[in-house]
C-alpha atoms as a PDB file:
ATOM      1  CA  UNK A   1     -17.925  12.935 -16.501  1.00  0.00           C
ATOM      2  CA  UNK A   2     -20.321  10.018 -15.962  1.00  0.00           C
ATOM      3  CA  UNK A   3     -19.318   6.404 -16.420  1.00  0.00           C
ATOM      4  CA  UNK A   4     -22.060   3.853 -17.028  1.00  0.00           C
ATOM      5  CA  UNK A   5     -21.517   0.265 -15.973  1.00  0.00           C
ATOM      6  CA  UNK A   6     -22.871  -2.382 -18.303  1.00  0.00           C
ATOM      7  CA  UNK A   7     -23.166  -5.193 -15.739  1.00  0.00           C
ATOM      8  CA  UNK A   8     -24.295  -5.362 -12.087  1.00  0.00           C
ATOM      9  CA  UNK A   9     -20.968  -7.057 -11.211  1.00  0.00           C
ATOM     10  CA  UNK A  10     -17.914  -5.502 -12.771  1.00  0.00           C
ATOM     11  CA  UNK A  11     -15.600  -7.454 -15.041  1.00  0.00           C
ATOM     12  CA  UNK A  12     -11.854  -7.367 -14.515  1.00  0.00           C
ATOM     13  CA  UNK A  13     -11.482  -5.007 -17.472  1.00  0.00           C
ATOM     14  CA  UNK A  14     -14.136  -2.635 -16.092  1.00  0.00           C
ATOM     15  CA  UNK A  15     -12.455  -2.624 -12.669  1.00  0.00           C
ATOM     16  CA  UNK A  16      -9.046  -1.838 -14.176  1.00  0.00           C
ATOM     17  CA  UNK A  17     -10.359   0.756 -16.655  1.00  0.00           C
ATOM     18  CA  UNK A  18     -12.373   2.663 -14.039  1.00  0.00           C
ATOM     19  CA  UNK A  19      -9.622   2.399 -11.440  1.00  0.00           C
ATOM     20  CA  UNK A  20      -7.018   3.770 -13.851  1.00  0.00           C
ATOM     21  CA  UNK A  21      -9.398   6.524 -14.976  1.00  0.00           C
ATOM     22  CA  UNK A  22     -10.549   7.725 -11.547  1.00  0.00           C
ATOM     23  CA  UNK A  23      -7.845   6.769  -9.016  1.00  0.00           C
ATOM     24  CA  UNK A  24      -4.114   7.177  -8.508  1.00  0.00           C
ATOM     25  CA  UNK A  25      -1.628   4.417  -7.654  1.00  0.00           C
ATOM     26  CA  UNK A  26       1.209   5.100  -5.273  1.00  0.00           C
ATOM     27  CA  UNK A  27       4.857   4.818  -6.274  1.00  0.00           C
ATOM     28  CA  UNK A  28       3.917   4.358  -9.933  1.00  0.00           C
ATOM     29  CA  UNK A  29       4.067   6.208 -13.209  1.00  0.00           C
ATOM     30  CA  UNK A  30       0.313   6.413 -13.707  1.00  0.00           C
ATOM     31  CA  UNK A  31       0.418   5.775 -17.471  1.00  0.00           C
ATOM     32  CA  UNK A  32       2.343   2.526 -16.857  1.00  0.00           C
ATOM     33  CA  UNK A  33       0.092   1.066 -14.135  1.00  0.00           C
ATOM     34  CA  UNK A  34      -1.333  -2.334 -15.071  1.00  0.00           C
ATOM     35  CA  UNK A  35      -3.104  -3.553 -11.912  1.00  0.00           C
ATOM     36  CA  UNK A  36      -4.522  -7.024 -11.376  1.00  0.00           C
ATOM     37  CA  UNK A  37      -8.291  -6.833 -10.855  1.00  0.00           C
ATOM     38  CA  UNK A  38      -9.217  -8.556  -7.598  1.00  0.00           C
ATOM     39  CA  UNK A  39     -12.746  -9.646  -6.720  1.00  0.00           C
ATOM     40  CA  UNK A  40     -12.216 -12.018  -3.782  1.00  0.00           C
ATOM     41  CA  UNK A  41      -9.666 -13.906  -1.724  1.00  0.00           C
ATOM     42  CA  UNK A  42      -9.527 -17.081   0.370  1.00  0.00           C
ATOM     43  CA  UNK A  43      -6.575 -18.628   2.156  1.00  0.00           C
ATOM     44  CA  UNK A  44      -3.366 -17.939   0.232  1.00  0.00           C
ATOM     45  CA  UNK A  45      -5.188 -17.087  -3.015  1.00  0.00           C
ATOM     46  CA  UNK A  46      -6.894 -14.099  -4.538  1.00  0.00           C
ATOM     47  CA  UNK A  47      -9.163 -14.244  -7.589  1.00  0.00           C
ATOM     48  CA  UNK A  48     -10.078 -11.998 -10.507  1.00  0.00           C
ATOM     49  CA  UNK A  49     -13.769 -11.443 -11.290  1.00  0.00           C
ATOM     50  CA  UNK A  50     -13.373 -14.054 -14.039  1.00  0.00           C
ATOM     51  CA  UNK A  51     -12.065 -16.613 -11.526  1.00  0.00           C
ATOM     52  CA  UNK A  52      -8.352 -16.589 -12.356  1.00  0.00           C
ATOM     53  CA  UNK A  53      -6.480 -17.627  -9.203  1.00  0.00           C
ATOM     54  CA  UNK A  54      -3.209 -16.113  -7.956  1.00  0.00           C
ATOM     55  CA  UNK A  55      -1.061 -17.116  -4.985  1.00  0.00           C
ATOM     56  CA  UNK A  56      -0.796 -14.041  -2.807  1.00  0.00           C
ATOM     57  CA  UNK A  57       2.955 -14.159  -2.179  1.00  0.00           C
ATOM     58  CA  UNK A  58       2.824 -10.550  -0.975  1.00  0.00           C
ATOM     59  CA  UNK A  59       0.056 -11.212   1.603  1.00  0.00           C
ATOM     60  CA  UNK A  60      -1.564  -7.946   0.497  1.00  0.00           C
ATOM     61  CA  UNK A  61       1.502  -5.919   1.525  1.00  0.00           C
ATOM     62  CA  UNK A  62       2.326  -8.309   4.351  1.00  0.00           C
ATOM     63  CA  UNK A  63      -0.804  -7.610   6.387  1.00  0.00           C
ATOM     64  CA  UNK A  64      -2.739 -10.828   5.735  1.00  0.00           C
ATOM     65  CA  UNK A  65      -0.174 -13.427   6.762  1.00  0.00           C
ATOM     66  CA  UNK A  66      -2.859 -15.556   8.438  1.00  0.00           C
ATOM     67  CA  UNK A  67      -4.547 -15.963   5.043  1.00  0.00           C
ATOM     68  CA  UNK A  68      -7.609 -14.397   3.510  1.00  0.00           C
ATOM     69  CA  UNK A  69     -11.078 -15.137   4.824  1.00  0.00           C
ATOM     70  CA  UNK A  70     -10.066 -16.649   8.176  1.00  0.00           C
ATOM     71  CA  UNK A  71     -13.366 -16.948  10.068  1.00  0.00           C
ATOM     72  CA  UNK A  72     -11.731 -16.036  13.399  1.00  0.00           C
ATOM     73  CA  UNK A  73     -10.438 -12.750  11.986  1.00  0.00           C
ATOM     74  CA  UNK A  74     -13.738 -11.970  10.266  1.00  0.00           C
ATOM     75  CA  UNK A  75     -15.650 -12.604  13.502  1.00  0.00           C
ATOM     76  CA  UNK A  76     -13.220 -10.530  15.573  1.00  0.00           C
ATOM     77  CA  UNK A  77     -13.542  -7.625  13.105  1.00  0.00           C
ATOM     78  CA  UNK A  78     -17.348  -7.875  13.124  1.00  0.00           C
ATOM     79  CA  UNK A  79     -17.488  -8.055  16.937  1.00  0.00           C
ATOM     80  CA  UNK A  80     -15.187  -5.053  17.347  1.00  0.00           C
ATOM     81  CA  UNK A  81     -17.026  -3.008  14.693  1.00  0.00           C
ATOM     82  CA  UNK A  82     -20.321  -3.712  16.447  1.00  0.00           C
ATOM     83  CA  UNK A  83     -18.836  -2.478  19.743  1.00  0.00           C
ATOM     84  CA  UNK A  84     -16.547   0.362  18.656  1.00  0.00           C
ATOM     85  CA  UNK A  85     -15.554   0.758  15.015  1.00  0.00           C
ATOM     86  CA  UNK A  86     -12.868   3.390  15.603  1.00  0.00           C
ATOM     87  CA  UNK A  87     -11.166   5.191  18.454  1.00  0.00           C
ATOM     88  CA  UNK A  88      -8.531   7.812  17.749  1.00  0.00           C
ATOM     89  CA  UNK A  89      -4.968   7.239  19.005  1.00  0.00           C
ATOM     90  CA  UNK A  90      -5.280   9.394  22.141  1.00  0.00           C
ATOM     91  CA  UNK A  91      -8.215   7.403  23.574  1.00  0.00           C
ATOM     92  CA  UNK A  92      -7.974   4.457  25.978  1.00  0.00           C
ATOM     93  CA  UNK A  93      -9.930   1.342  25.010  1.00  0.00           C
ATOM     94  CA  UNK A  94     -10.258  -2.143  26.483  1.00  0.00           C
ATOM     95  CA  UNK A  95      -8.460  -3.821  23.519  1.00  0.00           C
ATOM     96  CA  UNK A  96      -5.596  -1.328  23.866  1.00  0.00           C
ATOM     97  CA  UNK A  97      -5.355  -1.952  27.624  1.00  0.00           C
ATOM     98  CA  UNK A  98      -5.477  -5.729  27.233  1.00  0.00           C
ATOM     99  CA  UNK A  99      -2.889  -5.770  24.427  1.00  0.00           C
ATOM    100  CA  UNK A 100      -0.515  -3.524  26.383  1.00  0.00           C
ATOM    101  CA  UNK A 101      -0.812  -5.746  29.462  1.00  0.00           C
ATOM    102  CA  UNK A 102      -0.316  -8.936  27.415  1.00  0.00           C
ATOM    103  CA  UNK A 103       2.751  -7.523  25.648  1.00  0.00           C
ATOM    104  CA  UNK A 104       4.244  -6.478  29.019  1.00  0.00           C
ATOM    105  CA  UNK A 105       3.653 -10.028  30.248  1.00  0.00           C
ATOM    106  CA  UNK A 106       5.323 -11.810  27.318  1.00  0.00           C
ATOM    107  CA  UNK A 107       8.021  -9.326  26.253  1.00  0.00           C
ATOM    108  CA  UNK A 108      11.544 -10.188  27.436  1.00  0.00           C
ATOM    109  CA  UNK A 109      13.422  -7.997  29.904  1.00  0.00           C
ATOM    110  CA  UNK A 110      11.762  -5.112  31.688  1.00  0.00           C
ATOM    111  CA  UNK A 111       9.957  -3.778  28.622  1.00  0.00           C
ATOM    112  CA  UNK A 112       6.512  -2.821  29.866  1.00  0.00           C
ATOM    113  CA  UNK A 113       5.435   0.328  27.992  1.00  0.00           C
ATOM    114  CA  UNK A 114       4.359   0.317  24.344  1.00  0.00           C
ATOM    115  CA  UNK A 115       3.555   2.915  21.682  1.00  0.00           C
ATOM    116  CA  UNK A 116       1.047   1.822  19.034  1.00  0.00           C
ATOM    117  CA  UNK A 117       1.039   3.701  15.762  1.00  0.00           C
ATOM    118  CA  UNK A 118      -2.084   3.973  13.656  1.00  0.00           C
ATOM    119  CA  UNK A 119      -0.408   3.025  10.387  1.00  0.00           C
ATOM    120  CA  UNK A 120       2.539   0.954   9.258  1.00  0.00           C
ATOM    121  CA  UNK A 121       6.273   1.002   8.663  1.00  0.00           C
ATOM    122  CA  UNK A 122       6.548   4.728   7.813  1.00  0.00           C
ATOM    123  CA  UNK A 123       5.210   5.602  11.288  1.00  0.00           C
ATOM    124  CA  UNK A 124       7.741   3.298  12.932  1.00  0.00           C
ATOM    125  CA  UNK A 125      10.639   4.622  10.859  1.00  0.00           C
ATOM    126  CA  UNK A 126       9.662   8.235  11.523  1.00  0.00           C
ATOM    127  CA  UNK A 127       8.823   7.838  15.215  1.00  0.00           C
ATOM    128  CA  UNK A 128      11.862   5.835  16.318  1.00  0.00           C
ATOM    129  CA  UNK A 129      14.457   8.566  15.639  1.00  0.00           C
ATOM    130  CA  UNK A 130      12.089  11.110  17.213  1.00  0.00           C
ATOM    131  CA  UNK A 131      11.515   9.040  20.357  1.00  0.00           C
ATOM    132  CA  UNK A 132      15.143   8.028  20.951  1.00  0.00           C
ATOM    133  CA  UNK A 133      16.407  11.520  21.979  1.00  0.00           C
ATOM    134  CA  UNK A 134      13.358  12.144  24.178  1.00  0.00           C
ATOM    135  CA  UNK A 135      13.819   8.875  26.042  1.00  0.00           C
ATOM    136  CA  UNK A 136      17.633   9.295  26.143  1.00  0.00           C
ATOM    137  CA  UNK A 137      18.075   5.951  24.442  1.00  0.00           C
ATOM    138  CA  UNK A 138      20.582   5.269  21.671  1.00  0.00           C
ATOM    139  CA  UNK A 139      17.901   3.108  20.079  1.00  0.00           C
ATOM    140  CA  UNK A 140      14.179   2.901  20.591  1.00  0.00           C
ATOM    141  CA  UNK A 141      12.851  -0.618  20.883  1.00  0.00           C
ATOM    142  CA  UNK A 142      10.262  -1.993  18.504  1.00  0.00           C
ATOM    143  CA  UNK A 143       8.319  -5.207  18.017  1.00  0.00           C
ATOM    144  CA  UNK A 144      10.582  -5.878  15.078  1.00  0.00           C
ATOM    145  CA  UNK A 145      14.393  -5.594  14.780  1.00  0.00           C
ATOM    146  CA  UNK A 146      15.829  -2.379  16.252  1.00  0.00           C
ATOM    147  CA  UNK A 147      15.406   0.724  14.131  1.00  0.00           C
ATOM    148  CA  UNK A 148      18.609   2.798  14.017  1.00  0.00           C
ATOM    149  CA  UNK A 149      18.061   6.081  15.857  1.00  0.00           C
ATOM    150  CA  UNK A 150      20.791   7.762  13.828  1.00  0.00           C
ATOM    151  CA  UNK A 151      19.709   6.891  10.302  1.00  0.00           C
ATOM    152  CA  UNK A 152      17.183   5.169   8.084  1.00  0.00           C
ATOM    153  CA  UNK A 153      16.538   1.456   8.470  1.00  0.00           C
ATOM    154  CA  UNK A 154      17.599  -0.942   5.765  1.00  0.00           C
ATOM    155  CA  UNK A 155      15.185  -1.764   2.909  1.00  0.00           C
ATOM    156  CA  UNK A 156      15.001  -5.350   4.231  1.00  0.00           C
ATOM    157  CA  UNK A 157      13.946  -4.083   7.644  1.00  0.00           C
ATOM    158  CA  UNK A 158      11.397  -1.710   6.110  1.00  0.00           C
ATOM    159  CA  UNK A 159       9.852  -4.607   4.204  1.00  0.00           C
ATOM    160  CA  UNK A 160       9.818  -6.796   7.308  1.00  0.00           C
ATOM    161  CA  UNK A 161       8.328  -4.040   9.438  1.00  0.00           C
ATOM    162  CA  UNK A 162       5.317  -3.763   7.135  1.00  0.00           C
ATOM    163  CA  UNK A 163       4.134  -7.175   8.336  1.00  0.00           C
ATOM    164  CA  UNK A 164       4.234  -6.327  12.041  1.00  0.00           C
ATOM    165  CA  UNK A 165       2.259  -4.039  14.282  1.00  0.00           C
ATOM    166  CA  UNK A 166       4.512  -1.025  14.756  1.00  0.00           C
ATOM    167  CA  UNK A 167       5.214  -0.869  18.495  1.00  0.00           C
ATOM    168  CA  UNK A 168       7.710   1.253  20.362  1.00  0.00           C
ATOM    169  CA  UNK A 169       8.580   0.108  23.877  1.00  0.00           C
ATOM    170  CA  UNK A 170      10.475   1.169  26.991  1.00  0.00           C
ATOM    171  CA  UNK A 171      10.805   0.152  30.622  1.00  0.00           C
ATOM    172  CA  UNK A 172       8.737   1.889  33.295  1.00  0.00           C
ATOM    173  CA  UNK A 173      11.747   3.569  34.958  1.00  0.00           C
ATOM    174  CA  UNK A 174      12.829   5.250  31.711  1.00  0.00           C
ATOM    175  CA  UNK A 175      15.976   3.148  31.332  1.00  0.00           C
ATOM    176  CA  UNK A 176      16.636   1.012  28.293  1.00  0.00           C
ATOM    177  CA  UNK A 177      14.890  -2.350  28.602  1.00  0.00           C
ATOM    178  CA  UNK A 178      16.949  -5.255  29.891  1.00  0.00           C
ATOM    179  CA  UNK A 179      16.626  -8.235  27.544  1.00  0.00           C
ATOM    180  CA  UNK A 180      16.046 -11.631  29.145  1.00  0.00           C
ATOM    181  CA  UNK A 181      15.197 -15.068  27.887  1.00  0.00           C
ATOM    182  CA  UNK A 182      11.465 -15.770  27.674  1.00  0.00           C
END
């Protein structure tokens, strides 16, 4: 079925109608979905095509806490895309090496090994219980509060975890990290 757009820039209604017609929304009864059309964002706000402004209390699922349109982030994304737009998780890259070294430098205790997932909270919640038995640790460490190795994390933790980079960590000798004051 073909859909013809009547304007070069879509209206909020056109965005919502076409999105509901041709895409699915997660965790929603599809017939009840009533999405907000978003055309742009700057700082703490996002805007509809008609210019209606909303405060983005959710930070686009907690991944834009620095604010929308930050020139430093835009430039860093552009620079990285120009160099290497994507590397799969089993490759070694300079940003990965530098981030691992920096985290080892600033992380308390003897934590010096990190596992970066390529997604968000679900990867951290699934990988922590899997890693704990392999590393013989009662709990795997993460960049956010500890994830129970013997059960699911709390809903509050799951929500918090969505705003952090999922990282699993251990000490080089295989023992649980020793916390220390920074």
